[in-house]
Amino acid sequence: MHKLIFSLFVIISTSSWGQFSIIPHNVGISYAGETVTHPGGKLSLMYNLAQWNKVNKSQRGLAKTKRRNTTLNVNFGGFYHQRYQTGIFFLPEIEFSESNKKGWYWAAGAGAGYLQTIIPDTYEVQDDGTVEAVNAGHNYGMASIYFTYGKDLFIQNKKPWRFFLKPEFVMAFPNFPTLTGYFLLEVGVAYKLRQF
């Protein structure tokens, strides 16, 4: 029975991923400061999952078209908080975005991933009474919600650049007492590698 279920999973996965390419549609790099002042960075691989146009009529009866996207963002990043911790994370996110004909866009999304922290200057008392430096850190699950505002130069000018500002609230769990929140502010740029 297990072999049958596994075989069905492989067949369904292969057919549904046939259109998926490992090459992302966009690659982004950004400053991602934890609580704004603690420096960090993020590398994002952005895969468009769906794209469609929504047409509305303006008050004057003219057609007003907005482009909508659903995107999978695969993020790798980290931040440095002096004398407290260094964080390294992997955070996939699903995003919904809408852009106008001039390229201005907004997006909202959520994600779930993994956070590894490294705590500096940690010491442990040994059985013989000596004190030794040790490596310390914690493994956390992560969840995020965010809003993005930016400008996509490809829509109006066919230039492959996109600029964005992205405030993001991230929760690490389990943590004291249950979870700990982090505020990340991203300022970044993305480069278009291929069209949808």
Protein backbone atom coordinates (compact mmCIF):
# COMPACT_ATOMS: atom_id res chain seq x y z
CA MET A 1 0.00 0.00 0.00
CA HIS A 2 2.83 2.42 0.87
CA LYS A 3 4.47 1.77 -2.51
CA LEU A 4 1.19 2.52 -4.29
CA ILE A 5 0.72 5.81 -2.41
CA PHE A 6 4.32 6.80 -3.09
CA SER A 7 3.96 5.94 -6.81
CA LEU A 8 0.79 8.04 -7.08
CA PHE A 9 2.52 10.94 -5.30
CA VAL A 10 5.46 10.81 -7.76
CA ILE A 11 3.15 10.68 -10.80
CA ILE A 12 0.98 13.58 -9.60
CA SER A 13 4.01 15.62 -8.54
CA THR A 14 5.78 15.10 -11.85
CA SER A 15 2.78 16.18 -13.90
CA SER A 16 2.03 19.25 -11.78
CA TRP A 17 5.66 20.37 -11.62
CA GLY A 18 6.22 19.89 -15.34
CA GLN A 19 5.74 23.62 -15.94
CA PHE A 20 7.88 24.64 -12.96
CA SER A 21 11.46 25.79 -13.58
CA ILE A 22 14.23 25.95 -10.99
CA ILE A 23 15.20 29.33 -12.49
CA PRO A 24 13.21 32.04 -10.67
CA HIS A 25 11.33 34.80 -12.48
CA ASN A 26 13.03 37.43 -10.28
CA VAL A 27 15.98 37.50 -7.90
CA GLY A 28 15.92 40.06 -5.10
CA ILE A 29 18.47 41.35 -2.64
CA SER A 30 17.60 43.60 0.26
CA TYR A 31 18.69 45.19 3.50
CA ALA A 32 16.52 43.49 6.13
CA GLY A 33 17.24 45.11 9.48
CA GLU A 34 15.82 43.49 12.60
CA THR A 35 14.04 46.28 14.51
CA VAL A 36 15.40 48.52 11.74
CA THR A 37 18.76 49.29 13.43
CA HIS A 38 20.29 45.80 13.66
CA PRO A 39 21.74 45.09 10.20
CA GLY A 40 20.72 42.15 8.10
CA GLY A 41 20.23 41.01 4.55
CA LYS A 42 18.02 38.78 2.48
CA LEU A 43 18.32 36.96 -0.85
CA SER A 44 14.96 36.15 -2.46
CA LEU A 45 14.16 33.78 -5.31
CA MET A 46 10.75 34.81 -6.68
CA TYR A 47 8.59 32.37 -8.66
CA ASN A 48 5.34 33.59 -10.30
CA LEU A 49 2.65 30.99 -9.74
CA ALA A 50 -0.26 32.81 -11.42
CA GLN A 51 -0.82 36.08 -13.25
CA TRP A 52 -4.03 37.68 -14.51
CA ASN A 53 -5.50 41.07 -15.35
CA LYS A 54 -8.48 42.69 -13.64
CA VAL A 55 -10.36 45.28 -15.67
CA ASN A 56 -12.60 47.88 -14.00
CA LYS A 57 -14.32 50.92 -15.44
CA SER A 58 -13.34 54.33 -14.17
CA GLN A 59 -15.92 57.02 -13.33
CA ARG A 60 -15.53 58.36 -16.88
CA GLY A 61 -16.28 54.92 -18.35
CA LEU A 62 -12.70 54.14 -19.37
CA ALA A 63 -11.18 50.70 -18.85
CA LYS A 64 -8.75 50.52 -15.94
CA THR A 65 -6.51 47.42 -15.97
CA LYS A 66 -4.56 46.11 -12.99
CA ARG A 67 -2.16 43.18 -13.12
CA ARG A 68 -2.44 40.66 -10.29
CA ASN A 69 0.12 38.00 -9.34
CA THR A 70 0.50 35.17 -6.92
CA THR A 71 4.17 34.54 -6.15
CA LEU A 72 6.24 32.06 -4.15
CA ASN A 73 9.24 33.83 -2.59
CA VAL A 74 12.00 31.57 -1.28
CA ASN A 75 14.11 33.69 1.10
CA PHE A 76 17.52 33.13 2.69
CA GLY A 77 18.75 35.75 5.12
CA GLY A 78 20.17 36.80 8.42
CA PHE A 79 20.59 39.63 10.90
CA TYR A 80 23.11 40.69 13.53
CA HIS A 81 22.08 42.04 16.93
CA GLN A 82 25.28 43.04 18.76
CA ARG A 83 25.88 41.29 22.11
CA TYR A 84 22.54 39.48 21.80
CA GLN A 85 22.34 37.10 18.84
CA THR A 86 22.94 36.47 15.18
CA GLY A 87 20.02 34.99 13.26
CA ILE A 88 20.13 32.95 10.05
CA PHE A 89 16.85 31.99 8.43
CA PHE A 90 15.10 30.21 5.58
CA LEU A 91 11.63 31.63 4.95
CA PRO A 92 9.37 30.65 2.02
CA GLU A 93 6.45 33.08 1.56
CA ILE A 94 3.28 33.22 -0.54
CA GLU A 95 2.45 36.67 -1.87
CA PHE A 96 -0.48 38.32 -3.63
CA SER A 97 0.30 41.54 -5.54
CA GLU A 98 -1.47 44.09 -7.69
CA SER A 99 0.16 46.65 -9.98
CA ASN A 100 -1.13 49.50 -12.10
CA LYS A 101 -0.14 50.48 -15.65
CA LYS A 102 2.63 52.80 -14.38
CA GLY A 103 4.31 49.97 -12.46
CA TRP A 104 3.43 50.99 -8.90
CA TYR A 105 2.41 47.95 -6.91
CA TRP A 106 1.44 46.70 -3.49
CA ALA A 107 1.72 43.17 -2.15
CA ALA A 108 0.73 41.28 0.98
CA GLY A 109 1.87 37.86 2.07
CA ALA A 110 2.66 35.34 4.74
CA GLY A 111 5.31 32.71 5.25
CA ALA A 112 6.60 29.92 7.45
CA GLY A 113 10.19 28.77 7.86
CA TYR A 114 13.18 28.13 10.10
CA LEU A 115 15.38 30.43 12.23
CA GLN A 116 18.75 29.44 13.75
CA THR A 117 20.20 31.84 16.31
CA ILE A 118 23.79 31.98 17.54
CA ILE A 119 24.39 33.54 20.95
CA PRO A 120 27.80 35.20 21.46
CA ASP A 121 30.00 35.15 24.58
CA THR A 122 28.38 32.13 26.21
CA TYR A 123 30.23 30.28 28.95
CA GLU A 124 29.63 27.08 30.87
CA VAL A 125 30.97 25.97 34.24
CA GLN A 126 32.56 22.52 33.93
CA ASP A 127 32.38 19.74 36.55
CA ASP A 128 35.88 20.61 37.80
CA GLY A 129 34.88 24.27 38.38
CA THR A 130 36.59 25.75 35.32
CA VAL A 131 34.72 28.04 32.95
CA GLU A 132 34.85 27.44 29.20
CA ALA A 133 33.43 29.26 26.20
CA VAL A 134 30.76 27.22 24.43
CA ASN A 135 28.74 27.51 21.25
CA ALA A 136 25.12 28.32 22.01
CA GLY A 137 22.06 28.98 19.94
CA HIS A 138 18.48 27.99 19.39
CA ASN A 139 16.36 26.46 16.63
CA TYR A 140 13.01 28.11 15.99
CA GLY A 141 10.06 27.84 13.71
CA MET A 142 9.16 31.14 12.04
CA ALA A 143 5.97 32.70 10.76
CA SER A 144 5.73 36.02 8.96
CA ILE A 145 3.19 38.52 7.67
CA TYR A 146 4.08 41.54 5.57
CA PHE A 147 3.01 44.34 3.27
CA THR A 148 5.12 45.62 0.36
CA TYR A 149 4.98 48.80 -1.69
CA GLY A 150 7.16 49.35 -4.72
CA LYS A 151 7.78 50.22 -8.36
CA ASP A 152 8.21 47.66 -11.16
CA LEU A 153 10.06 49.30 -14.05
CA PHE A 154 9.30 46.43 -16.44
CA ILE A 155 5.58 47.22 -16.70
CA GLN A 156 5.97 50.68 -18.21
CA ASN A 157 9.60 50.88 -19.43
CA LYS A 158 10.56 47.21 -20.06
CA LYS A 159 13.54 47.60 -17.71
CA PRO A 160 14.21 44.46 -15.61
CA TRP A 161 14.35 46.22 -12.22
CA ARG A 162 11.88 46.40 -9.36
CA PHE A 163 12.36 48.45 -6.15
CA PHE A 164 10.46 47.83 -2.93
CA LEU A 165 9.92 48.73 0.74
CA LYS A 166 8.67 45.86 2.89
CA PRO A 167 7.78 46.10 6.60
CA GLU A 168 7.50 42.58 7.99
CA PHE A 169 6.47 41.11 11.34
CA VAL A 170 8.10 37.76 12.13
CA MET A 171 7.30 35.45 15.04
CA ALA A 172 9.81 32.88 16.36
CA PHE A 173 8.46 29.92 18.31
CA PRO A 174 8.78 28.29 20.77
CA ASN A 175 10.32 31.21 22.61
CA PHE A 176 9.93 33.14 25.85
CA PRO A 177 7.22 32.69 27.04
CA THR A 178 5.54 31.27 23.95
CA LEU A 179 6.83 33.25 20.98
CA THR A 180 8.95 36.31 20.30
CA GLY A 181 8.19 38.90 17.66
CA TYR A 182 10.71 40.60 15.39
CA PHE A 183 10.10 43.59 13.17
CA LEU A 184 12.10 43.55 9.92
CA LEU A 185 12.21 46.49 7.56
CA GLU A 186 13.36 45.57 4.08
CA VAL A 187 14.54 47.96 1.42
CA GLY A 188 15.51 46.15 -1.73
CA VAL A 189 15.76 45.62 -5.43
CA ALA A 190 14.77 42.69 -7.65
CA TYR A 191 16.02 41.81 -11.12
CA LYS A 192 13.80 40.04 -13.68
CA LEU A 193 15.43 36.90 -15.09
CA ARG A 194 12.52 35.63 -17.17
CA GLN A 195 8.88 36.38 -17.99
CA PHE A 196 5.88 34.45 -16.72
